[in-house]
Amino acid sequence: MAENLLEIQNVSAAVHEKTLLHNISFNIKPGEIHVLMGPNGAGKSTLGNVLMGNPEYELTGGKILFEGKDITEEDTDKRAKSGMFLTFQDPLEVPGISLESFIRTSLQQITGERPKLIKFKKELEEAMDVLNFNHSYAERDLNVGFSGGEKKKAEILQLLMLKPKFAILDETDSGLDIDASRTVSKGVEEFQKKVGGALLIITHSTRILDSLHVDKTHILVRGRIVKEGDASLVQEINEKGFDPFIPDDIKEQERKERLAAAAKAAMDAVKSADVGDFK
């Protein structure tokens, strides 16, 4: 068995020919919890999508290995069947298929066997209880009419039921109040205890981390890993923000971009005024 569950080797990626990730490299061992933090637009969600093989993102360099196997060219469904999982910031509504049916079908696709109904229902209800999730939601169309918090609970319910070896939680706690955030955190903690799967948690808030043991923290800025450390780095970010960790060359680049944007806005305003004079 490979020492590392996931290996990200010098990964660069682009969307519509715009490079969003630059030579990202780090490894995640089985059972580890890694946290990925950074300012808005840093590329955190992009990395999650690239790891899951979202075809909208073009991998322009590097390799991704899962359990020692090169999965760089594999489709998303193959990655999911091998034990990878991704939650969404804004889960889609899927009319016509219930939450229960979706999870049961997903399990069958992963294991190749049809889940035994009584055992499945019992496990589903136990998982819903962990999340304080009304059992009636199992029969409702997937995410249709769900509140933001209910959609996030449905995502964590899938995590508990599908039991992946590695899960990427993409801002699962965003937009949640304190109580809902605690419930989601409890579900993630339960996943860790019962499944022991590795996690890459993408977050702006740290409430979801309160009951978890973080092994490593990564700070991503403009598509680059600029700082790595242990759980104490999360506390540093809480106290100081991201600015102290942003390299001078990135700050200079951002300053030039702001000046260029201001100059363009001024020129556009002048052009609009000139056009108005001729009317």
Protein backbone atom coordinates (compact mmCIF):
# COMPACT_ATOMS: atom_id res chain seq x y z
CA MET A 1 0.00 0.00 0.00
CA ALA A 2 1.25 3.51 -0.90
CA GLU A 3 2.47 5.63 2.00
CA ASN A 4 0.50 8.60 0.70
CA LEU A 5 -3.19 8.33 -0.11
CA LEU A 6 -3.07 11.36 -2.39
CA GLU A 7 -0.06 12.92 -4.11
CA ILE A 8 -0.37 16.27 -5.86
CA GLN A 9 2.75 16.77 -7.95
CA ASN A 10 3.41 20.23 -9.46
CA VAL A 11 -0.18 20.63 -10.60
CA SER A 12 -1.04 23.64 -12.76
CA ALA A 13 -4.51 24.24 -14.19
CA ALA A 14 -6.41 26.72 -16.33
CA VAL A 15 -9.94 27.69 -17.33
CA HIS A 16 -10.49 29.28 -20.75
CA GLU A 17 -6.72 29.61 -21.15
CA LYS A 18 -6.42 31.57 -17.88
CA THR A 19 -4.02 29.86 -15.48
CA LEU A 20 -5.54 29.55 -12.01
CA LEU A 21 -3.15 27.10 -10.29
CA HIS A 22 0.65 27.23 -10.35
CA ASN A 23 2.76 24.16 -9.49
CA ILE A 24 0.74 22.94 -6.51
CA SER A 25 2.42 20.10 -4.59
CA PHE A 26 1.56 18.35 -1.33
CA ASN A 27 0.75 14.85 -0.09
CA ILE A 28 -2.04 13.54 2.13
CA LYS A 29 -1.63 10.33 4.10
CA PRO A 30 -4.53 7.98 4.97
CA GLY A 31 -6.71 9.43 7.72
CA GLU A 32 -5.07 12.86 7.72
CA ILE A 33 -6.99 16.14 7.85
CA HIS A 34 -5.60 18.95 5.73
CA VAL A 35 -7.02 22.47 5.67
CA LEU A 36 -6.82 24.73 2.61
CA MET A 37 -7.36 28.44 3.28
CA GLY A 38 -6.83 31.64 1.37
CA PRO A 39 -8.48 34.89 0.20
CA ASN A 40 -11.42 34.90 -2.20
CA GLY A 41 -10.37 33.97 -5.72
CA ALA A 42 -7.23 32.19 -4.54
CA GLY A 43 -8.04 28.99 -6.47
CA LYS A 44 -9.19 26.80 -3.58
CA SER A 45 -12.34 25.49 -5.27
CA THR A 46 -10.42 25.16 -8.51
CA LEU A 47 -8.01 22.75 -6.82
CA GLY A 48 -10.91 20.68 -5.46
CA ASN A 49 -12.46 20.44 -8.92
CA VAL A 50 -9.13 19.57 -10.55
CA LEU A 51 -8.55 16.77 -8.03
CA MET A 52 -11.98 15.32 -8.88
CA GLY A 53 -11.38 15.60 -12.62
CA ASN A 54 -13.96 18.26 -13.49
CA PRO A 55 -13.65 18.52 -17.31
CA GLU A 56 -14.21 22.30 -17.22
CA TYR A 57 -10.71 22.66 -15.77
CA GLU A 58 -7.68 21.99 -17.96
CA LEU A 59 -4.71 20.39 -16.25
CA THR A 60 -1.73 22.12 -17.86
CA GLY A 61 1.01 20.45 -15.84
CA GLY A 62 1.80 17.94 -13.14
CA LYS A 63 0.32 14.67 -11.92
CA ILE A 64 -2.26 13.42 -9.42
CA LEU A 65 -1.72 10.04 -7.75
CA PHE A 66 -4.32 8.25 -5.62
CA GLU A 67 -3.19 5.20 -3.65
CA GLY A 68 -0.04 5.18 -5.75
CA LYS A 69 -1.95 5.10 -9.06
CA ASP A 70 -1.70 7.90 -11.61
CA ILE A 71 -5.26 9.22 -12.02
CA THR A 72 -4.33 12.40 -13.89
CA GLU A 73 -6.28 11.35 -16.99
CA GLU A 74 -9.11 9.46 -15.29
CA ASP A 75 -12.74 10.60 -15.52
CA THR A 76 -14.61 11.91 -12.49
CA ASP A 77 -16.77 8.79 -12.11
CA LYS A 78 -13.71 6.54 -11.92
CA ARG A 79 -12.18 8.76 -9.25
CA ALA A 80 -15.43 8.60 -7.28
CA LYS A 81 -15.60 4.81 -7.56
CA SER A 82 -12.01 4.55 -6.34
CA GLY A 83 -12.94 6.39 -3.13
CA MET A 84 -12.81 10.14 -3.79
CA PHE A 85 -15.62 12.52 -2.87
CA LEU A 86 -16.35 16.24 -3.29
CA THR A 87 -19.01 18.40 -1.65
CA PHE A 88 -20.23 21.57 -3.33
CA GLN A 89 -20.50 25.16 -2.13
CA ASP A 90 -23.95 25.39 -3.73
CA PRO A 91 -25.36 21.87 -4.27
CA LEU A 92 -27.61 21.47 -7.31
CA GLU A 93 -31.31 20.68 -7.08
CA VAL A 94 -32.21 17.42 -8.84
CA PRO A 95 -35.96 17.01 -9.40
CA GLY A 96 -37.29 13.49 -9.92
CA ILE A 97 -34.88 11.57 -7.70
CA SER A 98 -35.16 11.40 -3.93
CA LEU A 99 -32.24 11.93 -1.58
CA GLU A 100 -32.52 8.30 -0.45
CA SER A 101 -32.60 6.94 -4.01
CA PHE A 102 -29.63 9.07 -4.99
CA ILE A 103 -27.51 7.76 -2.11
CA ARG A 104 -28.60 4.15 -2.67
CA THR A 105 -27.81 4.36 -6.40
CA SER A 106 -24.43 5.97 -5.66
CA LEU A 107 -23.59 3.16 -3.23
CA GLN A 108 -24.46 0.57 -5.85
CA GLN A 109 -22.23 2.30 -8.40
CA ILE A 110 -19.30 2.36 -5.96
CA THR A 111 -19.61 -1.16 -4.54
CA GLY A 112 -21.10 -2.91 -7.57
CA GLU A 113 -23.72 -4.46 -5.29
CA ARG A 114 -27.31 -3.49 -4.56
CA PRO A 115 -27.57 -2.34 -0.90
CA LYS A 116 -29.82 -4.47 1.32
CA LEU A 117 -32.83 -2.28 1.86
CA ILE A 118 -33.50 -2.80 5.59
CA LYS A 119 -29.84 -2.40 6.55
CA PHE A 120 -29.50 0.62 4.28
CA LYS A 121 -32.56 2.37 5.71
CA LYS A 122 -31.40 1.76 9.27
CA GLU A 123 -27.96 3.18 8.56
CA LEU A 124 -29.48 6.12 6.69
CA GLU A 125 -31.75 7.02 9.61
CA GLU A 126 -28.86 6.74 12.09
CA ALA A 127 -26.77 9.09 9.94
CA MET A 128 -29.68 11.53 9.66
CA ASP A 129 -30.02 11.50 13.44
CA VAL A 130 -26.37 12.51 13.79
CA LEU A 131 -27.17 15.55 11.64
CA ASN A 132 -30.52 16.34 13.30
CA PHE A 133 -32.01 15.80 9.85
CA ASN A 134 -35.74 15.04 9.69
CA HIS A 135 -36.20 11.54 8.22
CA SER A 136 -38.89 12.83 5.85
CA TYR A 137 -36.19 14.58 3.81
CA ALA A 138 -34.98 11.19 2.60
CA GLU A 139 -38.12 10.93 0.45
CA ARG A 140 -37.91 14.45 -0.94
CA ASP A 141 -36.36 15.28 -4.31
CA LEU A 142 -32.63 15.86 -3.93
CA ASN A 143 -32.07 19.40 -2.61
CA VAL A 144 -35.34 20.67 -4.14
CA GLY A 145 -36.77 23.26 -1.77
CA PHE A 146 -34.02 22.60 0.77
CA SER A 147 -32.63 25.55 2.69
CA GLY A 148 -28.91 26.28 2.47
CA GLY A 149 -28.31 24.46 5.74
CA GLU A 150 -30.39 21.46 4.65
CA LYS A 151 -28.41 21.19 1.41
CA LYS A 152 -25.17 21.12 3.39
CA LYS A 153 -26.60 18.46 5.72
CA ALA A 154 -27.53 16.40 2.64
CA GLU A 155 -23.93 16.65 1.45
CA ILE A 156 -22.56 15.42 4.79
CA LEU A 157 -25.22 12.68 4.84
CA GLN A 158 -23.80 11.43 1.54
CA LEU A 159 -20.32 11.56 3.05
CA LEU A 160 -21.42 9.40 6.00
CA MET A 161 -23.23 6.90 3.78
CA LEU A 162 -20.74 6.57 0.91
CA LYS A 163 -17.70 6.35 3.23
CA PRO A 164 -15.02 7.59 0.79
CA LYS A 165 -11.32 7.11 1.47
CA PHE A 166 -10.73 10.78 0.71
CA ALA A 167 -13.17 13.69 0.80
CA ILE A 168 -12.84 17.29 -0.30
CA LEU A 169 -15.19 19.56 1.64
CA ASP A 170 -15.53 22.76 -0.37
CA GLU A 171 -16.70 25.46 2.06
CA THR A 172 -19.34 23.14 3.47
CA ASP A 173 -19.75 25.55 6.40
CA SER A 174 -20.23 28.70 4.30
CA GLY A 175 -23.49 30.54 4.86
CA LEU A 176 -24.41 28.49 7.92
CA ASP A 177 -25.42 29.87 11.27
CA ILE A 178 -23.60 28.71 14.41
CA ASP A 179 -26.00 25.84 15.18
CA ALA A 180 -25.99 24.49 11.61
CA SER A 181 -22.21 24.79 11.46
CA ARG A 182 -21.89 22.77 14.67
CA THR A 183 -24.20 20.09 13.27
CA VAL A 184 -22.17 19.83 10.06
CA SER A 185 -18.96 19.71 12.12
CA LYS A 186 -20.45 16.88 14.19
CA GLY A 187 -21.17 14.95 11.00
CA VAL A 188 -17.61 15.40 9.77
CA GLU A 189 -16.30 14.30 13.17
CA GLU A 190 -18.51 11.20 12.97
CA PHE A 191 -17.11 10.42 9.51
CA GLN A 192 -13.58 10.62 10.89
CA LYS A 193 -14.39 8.35 13.84
CA LYS A 194 -16.29 5.65 11.92
CA VAL A 195 -14.61 5.72 8.52
CA GLY A 196 -11.20 7.24 9.19
CA GLY A 197 -11.12 8.76 5.73
CA ALA A 198 -8.72 11.56 4.85
CA LEU A 199 -10.08 15.08 4.43
CA LEU A 200 -9.12 18.22 2.54
CA ILE A 201 -11.24 20.96 4.10
CA ILE A 202 -11.54 24.17 2.09
CA THR A 203 -12.84 26.90 4.38
CA HIS A 204 -12.87 30.59 5.30
CA SER A 205 -14.31 29.93 8.75
CA THR A 206 -12.73 27.70 11.37
CA ARG A 207 -15.86 26.61 13.25
CA ILE A 208 -15.99 23.35 11.31
CA LEU A 209 -12.48 22.56 12.60
CA ASP A 210 -13.25 22.95 16.31
CA SER A 211 -13.74 19.24 17.01
CA LEU A 212 -11.23 17.93 14.46
CA HIS A 213 -7.49 17.23 14.68
CA VAL A 214 -5.87 19.16 11.83
CA ASP A 215 -2.63 17.60 10.59
CA LYS A 216 -1.58 20.26 8.09
CA THR A 217 -2.65 23.69 6.90
CA HIS A 218 -1.98 25.17 3.46
CA ILE A 219 -2.44 28.83 2.47
CA LEU A 220 -3.27 29.40 -1.20
CA VAL A 221 -2.92 32.86 -2.76
CA ARG A 222 -3.47 33.55 -6.47
CA GLY A 223 -3.05 29.89 -7.29
CA ARG A 224 0.17 29.40 -5.33
CA ILE A 225 0.86 27.68 -2.02
CA VAL A 226 2.56 30.48 -0.07
CA LYS A 227 2.71 28.94 3.42
CA GLU A 228 2.29 25.52 5.04
CA GLY A 229 2.21 24.47 8.66
CA ASP A 230 0.38 22.49 11.31
CA ALA A 231 -2.89 23.33 13.09
CA SER A 232 -1.30 26.36 14.75
CA LEU A 233 -1.24 28.10 11.36
CA VAL A 234 -5.05 28.23 11.43
CA GLN A 235 -4.89 30.21 14.67
CA GLU A 236 -2.32 32.56 13.14
CA ILE A 237 -4.69 33.23 10.25
CA ASN A 238 -7.52 33.93 12.68
CA GLU A 239 -5.37 36.47 14.53
CA LYS A 240 -3.50 38.13 11.65
CA GLY A 241 -5.49 37.45 8.48
CA PHE A 242 -3.82 36.43 5.22
CA ASP A 243 -1.88 39.61 4.47
CA PRO A 244 1.30 38.71 6.46
CA PHE A 245 1.64 35.50 4.43
CA ILE A 246 1.28 37.06 0.97
CA PRO A 247 4.67 37.38 -0.78
CA ASP A 248 5.80 40.86 -1.88
CA ASP A 249 5.78 39.94 -5.58
CA ILE A 250 2.09 39.00 -5.39
CA LYS A 251 1.27 42.22 -3.51
CA GLU A 252 3.10 44.22 -6.20
CA GLN A 253 1.25 42.39 -8.96
CA GLU A 254 -2.08 43.12 -7.27
CA ARG A 255 -1.12 46.81 -6.88
CA LYS A 256 -0.34 47.10 -10.60
CA GLU A 257 -3.61 45.40 -11.50
CA ARG A 258 -5.57 47.83 -9.30
CA LEU A 259 -3.83 50.80 -10.96
CA ALA A 260 -4.50 49.38 -14.42
CA ALA A 261 -8.17 48.82 -13.58
CA ALA A 262 -8.48 52.38 -12.24
CA ALA A 263 -6.83 53.79 -15.37
CA LYS A 264 -9.17 51.80 -17.61
CA ALA A 265 -12.20 52.97 -15.65
CA ALA A 266 -11.04 56.58 -16.02
CA MET A 267 -10.51 56.19 -19.78
CA ASP A 268 -13.93 54.58 -20.18
CA ALA A 269 -15.50 57.47 -18.30
CA VAL A 270 -13.76 60.00 -20.59
CA LYS A 271 -14.91 58.13 -23.70
CA SER A 272 -18.47 58.04 -22.42
CA ALA A 273 -18.35 61.78 -21.73
CA ASP A 274 -16.99 62.48 -25.24
CA VAL A 275 -19.76 60.44 -26.85
CA GLY A 276 -22.29 62.32 -24.76
CA ASP A 277 -21.00 65.66 -26.07
CA PHE A 278 -21.87 64.67 -29.64
CA LYS A 279 -25.46 63.74 -28.83
